[in-house]
Protein backbone atom coordinates (compact mmCIF):
# COMPACT_ATOMS: atom_id res chain seq x y z
CA MET A 1 -0.03 -0.32 0.12
CA LYS A 2 2.76 2.12 1.02
CA GLY A 3 4.49 1.63 -2.89
CA TYR A 4 1.44 2.26 -4.31
CA ARG A 5 0.95 5.45 -2.79
CA ILE A 6 4.30 6.47 -3.73
CA ASP A 7 3.68 5.16 -7.57
CA ALA A 8 0.31 7.19 -7.39
CA LEU A 9 2.50 10.38 -6.42
CA GLY A 10 4.82 10.63 -8.85
CA PHE A 11 2.03 9.82 -11.34
CA GLU A 12 0.22 12.93 -10.70
CA TRP A 13 3.39 14.67 -10.37
CA LEU A 14 4.37 13.56 -13.66
CA ILE A 15 1.02 14.59 -15.56
CA GLY A 16 0.82 17.92 -14.21
CA TRP A 17 4.52 18.67 -14.96
CA ARG A 18 3.68 17.43 -18.64
CA GLN A 19 0.52 19.44 -18.83
CA VAL A 20 2.79 22.60 -18.31
CA ARG A 21 5.18 21.61 -20.88
CA ALA A 22 2.77 20.50 -23.33
CA HIS A 23 1.98 21.84 -26.96
CA ARG A 24 -2.05 22.89 -26.73
CA ARG A 25 -4.46 22.85 -29.31
CA ASN A 26 -5.57 25.94 -27.90
CA HIS A 27 -2.88 28.19 -28.29
CA PHE A 28 -5.19 30.91 -26.39
CA ILE A 29 -4.58 28.76 -23.11
CA SER A 30 -0.68 28.71 -23.70
CA PHE A 31 -0.75 32.43 -24.34
CA ILE A 32 -2.58 32.43 -20.80
CA SER A 33 0.18 30.21 -19.33
CA LEU A 34 2.82 32.68 -20.37
CA LEU A 35 1.36 35.32 -19.15
CA SER A 36 0.55 34.39 -16.12
CA THR A 37 3.87 32.91 -15.61
CA ILE A 38 5.64 36.62 -16.60
CA ALA A 39 3.18 38.93 -14.55
CA ILE A 40 3.69 36.82 -11.73
CA ALA A 41 7.57 37.32 -11.89
CA LEU A 42 7.05 40.55 -12.55
CA GLY A 43 5.24 41.23 -9.63
CA VAL A 44 7.41 39.71 -7.34
CA ALA A 45 10.20 41.32 -8.73
CA SER A 46 8.53 44.46 -8.26
CA LEU A 47 7.85 44.15 -4.54
CA ILE A 48 11.44 43.42 -3.90
CA VAL A 49 12.99 46.11 -5.42
CA VAL A 50 10.42 48.18 -3.85
CA MET A 51 10.99 46.95 -0.45
CA ALA A 52 14.16 46.99 -1.10
CA VAL A 53 14.46 50.59 -1.93
CA ILE A 54 12.46 51.27 1.26
CA ASP A 55 14.49 49.56 3.28
CA GLY A 56 17.31 51.44 2.03
CA LEU A 57 15.78 54.77 2.58
CA GLN A 58 14.72 54.14 5.95
CA GLY A 59 18.03 53.14 6.73
CA GLU A 60 19.96 56.13 4.88
CA LEU A 61 18.14 59.06 6.54
CA ARG A 62 17.87 56.76 10.07
CA ASP A 63 21.68 56.70 10.03
CA ARG A 64 21.77 60.25 9.22
CA ILE A 65 19.34 61.35 12.27
CA LEU A 66 21.62 58.94 14.49
CA GLY A 67 24.53 60.70 13.34
CA VAL A 68 23.52 63.55 15.10
CA VAL A 69 20.95 62.11 18.10
CA ALA A 70 22.51 59.67 20.34
CA HIS A 71 20.78 56.01 20.79
CA ALA A 72 19.70 57.46 23.93
CA GLU A 73 19.65 60.24 26.33
CA VAL A 74 19.60 60.03 30.19
CA SER A 75 18.04 62.85 32.25
CA GLN A 76 17.03 63.44 35.64
CA ALA A 77 13.51 62.43 36.81
CA PRO A 78 11.92 65.17 38.42
CA VAL A 79 10.18 64.19 41.77
CA ASN A 80 6.54 63.56 42.03
CA ALA A 81 5.77 64.15 37.97
CA ASP A 82 5.15 61.47 35.03
CA ALA A 83 6.30 61.43 32.03
CA ALA A 84 3.83 63.69 30.62
CA GLU A 85 4.39 66.62 32.80
CA ARG A 86 8.48 66.19 32.68
CA PRO A 87 9.78 69.35 31.75
CA PRO A 88 11.83 70.06 28.37
CA ALA A 89 14.94 69.46 27.95
CA ALA A 90 15.90 73.17 28.11
CA VAL A 91 14.81 73.87 31.37
CA THR A 92 16.02 69.33 32.81
CA ARG A 93 18.82 70.00 35.40
CA MET A 94 21.15 67.25 36.39
CA ASP A 95 23.19 67.85 39.57
CA ASP A 96 25.75 64.57 40.04
CA TRP A 97 26.34 64.11 36.55
CA GLN A 98 30.01 63.00 36.67
CA GLY A 99 28.43 60.15 39.16
CA VAL A 100 25.91 59.37 36.67
CA LEU A 101 28.25 59.30 34.13
CA GLY A 102 30.53 57.11 35.06
CA GLN A 103 27.51 54.70 36.26
CA MET A 104 26.31 54.63 32.56
CA ARG A 105 30.14 53.88 31.11
CA ALA A 106 30.01 51.08 33.07
CA GLU A 107 26.50 48.98 32.32
CA PRO A 108 26.91 46.90 29.89
CA GLY A 109 25.84 47.12 26.50
CA VAL A 110 26.86 51.17 26.79
CA VAL A 111 29.72 51.57 24.34
CA ALA A 112 30.16 55.88 24.82
CA ALA A 113 28.65 58.45 27.06
CA ALA A 114 28.66 62.17 26.98
CA PRO A 115 27.25 64.88 28.84
CA PHE A 116 25.26 67.49 27.03
CA VAL A 117 23.28 70.94 27.89
CA ALA A 118 20.30 71.77 25.58
CA GLY A 119 18.66 75.19 25.14
CA GLN A 120 17.09 77.31 22.69
CA ALA A 121 18.35 80.87 21.26
CA LEU A 122 18.06 83.21 18.61
CA LEU A 123 20.82 84.22 16.36
CA ALA A 124 21.94 87.11 14.83
CA HIS A 125 24.21 88.29 12.26
CA GLU A 126 24.05 91.24 9.88
CA GLY A 127 20.41 91.84 10.22
CA ALA A 128 19.66 88.11 10.06
CA VAL A 129 18.02 85.87 12.54
CA ARG A 130 17.10 82.30 12.95
CA GLY A 131 15.91 80.62 16.30
CA SER A 132 18.30 77.70 16.92
CA GLU A 133 18.66 74.39 18.85
CA ILE A 134 21.93 75.04 20.87
CA ARG A 135 23.95 72.04 22.39
CA GLY A 136 26.35 72.48 24.60
CA VAL A 137 28.77 69.02 24.79
CA LEU A 138 32.59 68.04 25.47
CA PRO A 139 33.96 67.73 21.91
CA GLU A 140 35.98 64.95 22.98
CA ASP A 141 33.25 62.81 24.21
CA GLU A 142 30.77 63.54 21.91
CA ALA A 143 33.01 61.85 19.18
CA GLY A 144 31.96 58.52 21.09
CA VAL A 145 28.46 59.47 20.82
CA SER A 146 27.35 60.80 17.60
CA ASP A 147 28.83 61.43 14.48
CA LEU A 148 29.09 64.86 13.83
CA ALA A 149 32.87 65.18 13.76
CA ARG A 150 32.71 63.43 9.99
CA HIS A 151 30.07 65.60 8.97
CA MET A 152 32.39 68.72 9.02
CA LEU A 153 32.20 70.65 6.02
CA ALA A 154 34.47 73.59 7.59
CA GLY A 155 36.51 73.71 10.64
CA GLN A 156 36.55 71.25 13.42
CA LEU A 157 34.38 70.24 16.03
CA ASP A 158 37.52 70.00 18.13
CA ALA A 159 38.18 74.00 17.61
CA LEU A 160 35.42 74.32 20.13
CA ARG A 161 37.13 75.53 23.50
CA ALA A 162 35.91 76.18 26.54
CA GLY A 163 35.85 80.26 27.41
CA ARG A 164 36.37 81.20 23.69
CA PHE A 165 32.54 81.28 22.86
CA GLY A 166 33.11 79.46 19.71
CA ILE A 167 30.00 77.84 18.00
CA VAL A 168 29.53 75.32 14.82
CA LEU A 169 26.08 75.65 12.86
CA GLY A 170 24.41 73.67 10.51
CA VAL A 171 25.11 74.07 6.78
CA ASP A 172 22.02 75.41 6.36
CA LEU A 173 21.54 77.59 8.93
CA ALA A 174 24.58 78.96 8.57
CA GLN A 175 23.79 79.94 5.02
CA ALA A 176 20.91 81.79 5.87
CA LEU A 177 22.61 84.04 8.50
CA HIS A 178 25.51 84.53 5.91
CA VAL A 179 28.24 83.49 8.30
CA SER A 180 31.39 81.40 7.66
CA PRO A 181 34.11 80.02 10.11
CA GLY A 182 35.83 83.09 11.58
CA ASP A 183 32.52 85.25 11.22
CA LYS A 184 31.28 86.30 14.45
CA LEU A 185 27.75 86.65 15.24
CA THR A 186 25.10 87.40 18.41
CA LEU A 187 23.71 84.74 20.37
CA ILE A 188 20.58 85.76 22.32
CA SER A 189 19.04 83.29 25.46
CA PRO A 190 15.97 83.49 26.59
CA VAL A 191 17.59 82.96 29.78
CA GLY A 192 17.65 86.33 30.54
CA THR A 193 18.77 88.91 33.67
CA VAL A 194 16.04 90.35 35.77
CA THR A 195 16.62 94.14 36.68
CA PRO A 196 14.20 96.98 37.84
CA ALA A 197 13.13 97.16 34.10
CA GLY A 198 12.42 93.89 33.39
CA ILE A 199 13.81 90.51 32.40
CA VAL A 200 16.81 91.34 29.98
CA PRO A 201 18.00 88.93 27.31
CA ARG A 202 21.46 87.35 27.80
CA VAL A 203 23.29 88.60 24.84
CA LYS A 204 26.92 87.06 23.80
CA VAL A 205 28.89 87.23 20.62
CA PHE A 206 30.15 83.83 19.36
CA THR A 207 32.80 82.95 16.71
CA VAL A 208 31.69 80.60 14.06
CA GLN A 209 34.29 77.66 14.42
CA GLY A 210 33.06 75.27 11.76
CA VAL A 211 29.70 74.47 9.57
CA PHE A 212 28.32 70.78 9.46
CA GLU A 213 26.26 69.04 7.09
CA ALA A 214 24.14 65.96 8.25
CA GLY A 215 22.17 65.52 5.08
CA MET A 216 18.97 66.00 7.24
CA PRO A 217 17.23 69.74 7.00
CA GLU A 218 15.70 69.71 10.62
CA PHE A 219 19.36 69.75 11.88
CA ASP A 220 21.57 71.59 8.91
CA ALA A 221 19.31 74.45 9.55
CA GLY A 222 18.59 74.57 13.32
CA PHE A 223 21.23 73.52 15.12
CA GLY A 224 24.16 74.86 16.80
CA TYR A 225 27.03 73.25 18.75
CA ILE A 226 28.69 75.19 21.76
CA HIS A 227 31.41 73.92 24.45
CA LEU A 228 29.60 72.44 27.23
CA GLN A 229 30.88 75.10 29.37
CA ASP A 230 29.82 78.21 27.55
CA ALA A 231 26.59 76.68 27.41
CA GLN A 232 26.56 76.15 31.39
CA LYS A 233 27.31 80.11 31.90
CA LEU A 234 24.93 81.30 28.85
CA TYR A 235 22.04 79.26 30.44
CA ARG A 236 23.28 79.55 34.01
CA MET A 237 23.71 76.11 34.77
CA GLY A 238 26.13 76.26 37.18
CA GLU A 239 27.77 72.95 37.22
CA ARG A 240 24.87 70.79 36.07
CA VAL A 241 23.60 69.17 32.72
CA SER A 242 20.80 68.81 30.86
CA GLY A 243 21.78 64.99 30.28
CA ILE A 244 23.65 62.35 29.15
CA ARG A 245 23.93 60.87 25.77
CA LEU A 246 24.69 57.25 25.50
CA ARG A 247 25.72 55.00 22.44
CA MET A 248 24.54 51.44 22.74
CA SER A 249 26.40 48.65 21.24
CA SER A 250 23.37 47.70 19.08
CA LEU A 251 21.11 50.16 17.65
CA ASP A 252 18.43 47.67 17.43
CA ARG A 253 18.89 46.61 21.05
CA ALA A 254 19.16 50.21 22.49
CA PRO A 255 14.93 50.52 23.46
CA ALA A 256 15.89 47.28 25.28
CA ILE A 257 18.99 48.10 26.62
CA ALA A 258 17.91 51.91 27.99
CA GLN A 259 14.93 49.88 29.66
CA GLN A 260 16.94 48.14 31.29
CA ILE A 261 19.60 50.57 32.83
CA ALA A 262 16.15 52.66 33.58
CA ALA A 263 14.51 49.56 35.52
CA ARG A 264 18.23 49.60 37.73
CA HIS A 265 17.96 53.43 37.98
CA ARG A 266 14.73 54.55 39.11
CA GLY A 267 15.74 58.32 39.79
CA LEU A 268 16.34 58.12 36.00
CA THR A 269 14.69 58.88 33.03
CA LEU A 270 16.03 57.18 29.50
CA THR A 271 14.68 58.27 26.11
CA ASP A 272 15.93 56.31 23.05
CA TRP A 273 16.07 57.03 19.99
CA THR A 274 12.73 55.33 18.61
CA GLN A 275 10.69 57.61 21.20
CA THR A 276 12.65 61.40 20.14
CA HIS A 277 11.33 60.35 16.72
CA THR A 278 8.76 58.21 16.94
CA ALA A 279 6.29 60.46 14.90
CA PHE A 280 8.79 60.26 11.61
CA PHE A 281 9.70 56.46 12.17
CA ARG A 282 6.43 55.27 13.01
CA ALA A 283 4.88 57.11 9.62
CA MET A 284 8.05 55.32 7.71
CA ALA A 285 7.06 51.94 9.13
CA ILE A 286 3.09 52.57 7.79
CA GLU A 287 4.40 53.68 4.52
CA ARG A 288 6.58 50.50 4.09
CA MET A 289 3.55 48.40 5.40
CA ALA A 290 0.98 50.04 2.55
CA THR A 291 3.78 49.89 0.24
CA PHE A 292 4.01 46.05 0.50
CA ILE A 293 0.05 45.68 0.99
CA MET A 294 -0.26 47.63 -2.74
CA LEU A 295 2.07 45.68 -4.49
CA SER A 296 1.29 42.23 -3.34
CA LEU A 297 -1.90 42.94 -4.68
CA ILE A 298 -0.01 43.21 -8.35
CA VAL A 299 1.02 39.54 -7.08
CA ALA A 300 -2.28 38.18 -6.29
CA VAL A 301 -3.88 39.73 -9.42
CA ALA A 302 -0.65 38.14 -11.43
CA ALA A 303 -1.29 34.57 -9.31
CA PHE A 304 -5.50 34.66 -9.87
CA ASN A 305 -4.49 34.37 -13.83
CA VAL A 306 -4.06 31.16 -13.07
CA ILE A 307 -7.38 30.23 -12.11
CA ALA A 308 -8.51 31.41 -16.02
CA MET A 309 -5.67 29.44 -17.80
CA LEU A 310 -6.52 26.26 -15.28
CA VAL A 311 -10.41 26.38 -15.92
CA MET A 312 -9.87 26.55 -19.52
CA ALA A 313 -7.14 23.95 -19.24
CA VAL A 314 -9.64 21.97 -17.61
CA ASN A 315 -12.60 22.11 -20.08
CA GLU A 316 -10.21 21.30 -22.54
CA LYS A 317 -9.35 17.81 -21.38
CA ARG A 318 -12.67 16.87 -19.78
CA SER A 319 -12.59 13.89 -22.04
CA ASP A 320 -8.75 13.05 -20.53
CA ILE A 321 -9.75 13.38 -17.12
CA ALA A 322 -12.94 11.09 -17.60
CA ILE A 323 -10.43 8.62 -19.05
CA LEU A 324 -8.45 8.86 -16.28
CA ARG A 325 -11.14 8.17 -14.21
CA THR A 326 -12.10 5.24 -15.96
CA MET A 327 -8.84 3.87 -15.49
CA GLY A 328 -9.03 4.42 -11.78
CA ALA A 329 -7.58 7.63 -10.73
CA SER A 330 -9.58 9.30 -7.80
CA ALA A 331 -10.67 12.61 -7.85
CA GLY A 332 -7.83 13.60 -5.29
CA SER A 333 -5.47 12.95 -8.18
CA ILE A 334 -7.16 13.91 -10.69
CA ARG A 335 -7.11 17.54 -8.14
CA LEU A 336 -3.25 17.12 -7.78
CA ILE A 337 -3.09 16.62 -11.33
CA PHE A 338 -4.28 20.37 -11.76
CA ILE A 339 -2.88 21.74 -8.41
CA VAL A 340 0.84 20.89 -10.15
CA GLN A 341 0.24 22.67 -13.08
CA GLY A 342 -0.61 25.67 -11.67
CA MET A 343 2.15 25.68 -8.90
CA SER A 344 4.34 24.76 -11.17
CA LEU A 345 3.62 28.07 -13.60
CA GLY A 346 3.55 29.74 -10.00
CA LEU A 347 6.85 28.42 -8.77
CA ILE A 348 8.64 29.23 -12.46
CA GLY A 349 6.87 32.98 -11.95
CA THR A 350 8.04 33.42 -8.92
CA LEU A 351 11.78 31.75 -8.18
CA GLY A 352 12.13 34.19 -11.61
CA GLY A 353 11.06 37.35 -10.34
CA ALA A 354 12.89 36.51 -6.55
CA LEU A 355 16.17 36.11 -8.83
CA ALA A 356 14.89 39.19 -11.24
CA GLY A 357 14.34 41.23 -8.33
CA SER A 358 17.17 40.45 -6.16
CA ILE A 359 19.75 41.08 -9.03
CA THR A 360 18.01 44.62 -9.71
CA ALA A 361 18.32 45.20 -5.82
CA LEU A 362 21.60 44.43 -5.36
CA LYS A 363 22.91 46.23 -9.03
CA LEU A 364 20.13 48.90 -8.18
CA GLY A 365 23.02 52.21 -7.88
CA THR A 366 25.01 50.91 -11.52
CA ILE A 367 21.59 50.66 -13.06
CA VAL A 368 20.31 53.91 -12.40
CA SER A 369 24.32 55.44 -12.88
CA THR A 370 24.16 53.94 -16.40
CA ILE A 371 20.18 55.01 -17.53
CA GLU A 372 21.35 58.19 -15.92
CA SER A 373 24.04 58.44 -18.46
CA LEU A 374 22.15 57.43 -20.97
CA LEU A 375 19.42 60.55 -20.43
CA GLY A 376 22.14 62.91 -19.56
CA SER A 377 20.00 63.66 -16.27
CA ARG A 378 20.19 63.17 -12.78
CA GLY A 379 17.04 61.51 -11.20
CA PHE A 380 17.71 62.86 -7.58
CA ALA A 381 18.34 66.68 -6.90
CA THR A 382 20.20 66.90 -3.71
CA GLU A 383 18.70 70.14 -2.66
CA PHE A 384 15.10 68.42 -3.00
CA TYR A 385 15.80 65.32 -1.77
CA TYR A 386 19.10 65.42 0.22
CA LEU A 387 20.07 62.45 -1.68
CA THR A 388 22.94 61.68 -4.34
CA ALA A 389 21.51 57.81 -5.70
CA ILE A 390 18.46 55.81 -4.77
CA PRO A 391 19.40 53.62 -1.54
CA ALA A 392 19.11 50.08 -1.47
CA GLN A 393 19.40 47.50 1.26
CA LEU A 394 18.07 44.05 0.32
CA HIS A 395 17.32 41.67 3.26
CA TRP A 396 16.94 37.98 2.45
CA ALA A 397 14.15 38.06 5.05
CA ASP A 398 12.04 39.97 2.87
CA VAL A 399 12.58 38.26 -0.29
CA VAL A 400 11.89 34.35 1.21
CA GLY A 401 8.59 36.32 2.62
CA VAL A 402 7.51 37.59 -0.68
CA VAL A 403 8.40 33.89 -2.42
CA LEU A 404 6.31 32.04 0.70
CA LEU A 405 3.42 34.86 -0.22
CA SER A 406 3.38 34.34 -4.21
CA LEU A 407 3.65 30.24 -3.94
CA VAL A 408 0.51 30.80 -1.33
CA LEU A 409 -1.31 33.03 -3.84
CA CYS A 410 -0.78 30.63 -6.41
CA LEU A 411 -2.33 27.43 -4.41
CA LEU A 412 -4.88 29.44 -3.56
CA ALA A 413 -5.64 30.09 -7.38
CA THR A 414 -5.64 26.42 -8.07
CA ILE A 415 -8.19 25.47 -5.45
CA TYR A 416 -11.46 26.09 -7.57
CA PRO A 417 -9.75 24.63 -11.21
CA SER A 418 -8.96 21.56 -9.64
CA SER A 419 -11.90 21.09 -7.60
CA ARG A 420 -13.94 21.61 -10.43
CA ALA A 421 -11.80 18.91 -12.42
CA ALA A 422 -12.08 16.61 -9.71
CA ALA A 423 -16.00 16.73 -9.63
CA THR A 424 -15.92 15.91 -13.71
CA ARG A 425 -18.12 12.80 -14.14
CA PRO A 426 -16.67 10.65 -16.54
CA ALA A 427 -20.00 9.62 -17.96
CA GLU A 428 -21.26 12.80 -18.94
CA ALA A 429 -17.65 13.96 -20.19
CA LEU A 430 -17.29 11.01 -22.96
CA ARG A 431 -20.69 11.07 -24.02
CA TYR A 432 -20.23 15.17 -25.40
CA ALA A 433 -16.27 14.17 -26.49
């Protein structure tokens, strides 16, 4: 009995695969079969390439954001205040930050830690005025928690010295103020001095020491960096800081590591990079999911073309089905024959599309460069997109997921035609043959 089932299974697969390669009397069925296979391949390839581009774009933007933003920030939790009532970074205070800094550097999973002072200010130069986020940092420690030093277009981050009141600006902010390294500008702090006439804002002249380009308008047009001690004087912090920035050993595990540290230090509040830019990364995740669903519909439409092809094949092979039934083939064997036929087309199209999509995603930069050279134009204007090329990151887990999705859709498409073939009555089919 066991040997009979193996022979029967081989018989069904043999006939099903033979139907894929057979030359049909009805050439329209062959055309539909070819069209379905090509459509599945194109759908799978498109889905893989687009998902790789979205992942590449997310990775590029994430790297640019985290080139300026740390993996996590530590601040002192206010007494008797929940998370919703915490004051902004501009007014937070951390007293014993040297001790906290040493504790953070000793935490497992933390590779670097650096103190910072955060505040708001107005920058003015020759009639141009711009609001800016001011960060007070220690240049020697800042290199460990961010890539700011590697984004310098002019000057060096190390040029910031305590007491010299130097400042490093984002490229867009520097252009808006019409300043370059060596120029002086006026910084107006909202932390003012109380006088009989009222609160007078603190005004200080700073010398531009450098210009950086992070590749994100949020930072290039709105951030300035000064030395930590200068920021403490400017915002009247004394010896205190706003918090401590951390870099973790793993970017993806940063939220989990931050939670573990927060659990061990009850008086501290930790905010990881997924919380500081929650809306941005959530929007990109929703966009990725929506794109995946829309492109999956293309694969679904292509897969369900198999239904039309198999229905026509069943109508064409009614007499052959009847002969097989009279020879002893069961309804399940007939059903499996047409499932094999439909799945063979789906497998060919899916694997062909996966191969083409993977190669295209891996060589996308070269392909786009070649097309731009032939057309004599660039596809990306850096002043609008902040990208010089289409980024693509091919994740093999996505490829496997797309392949499985396509095969499942192809399998679903074979259920109705194969069931209809299995329900064929031999007597009626032979009577009208």
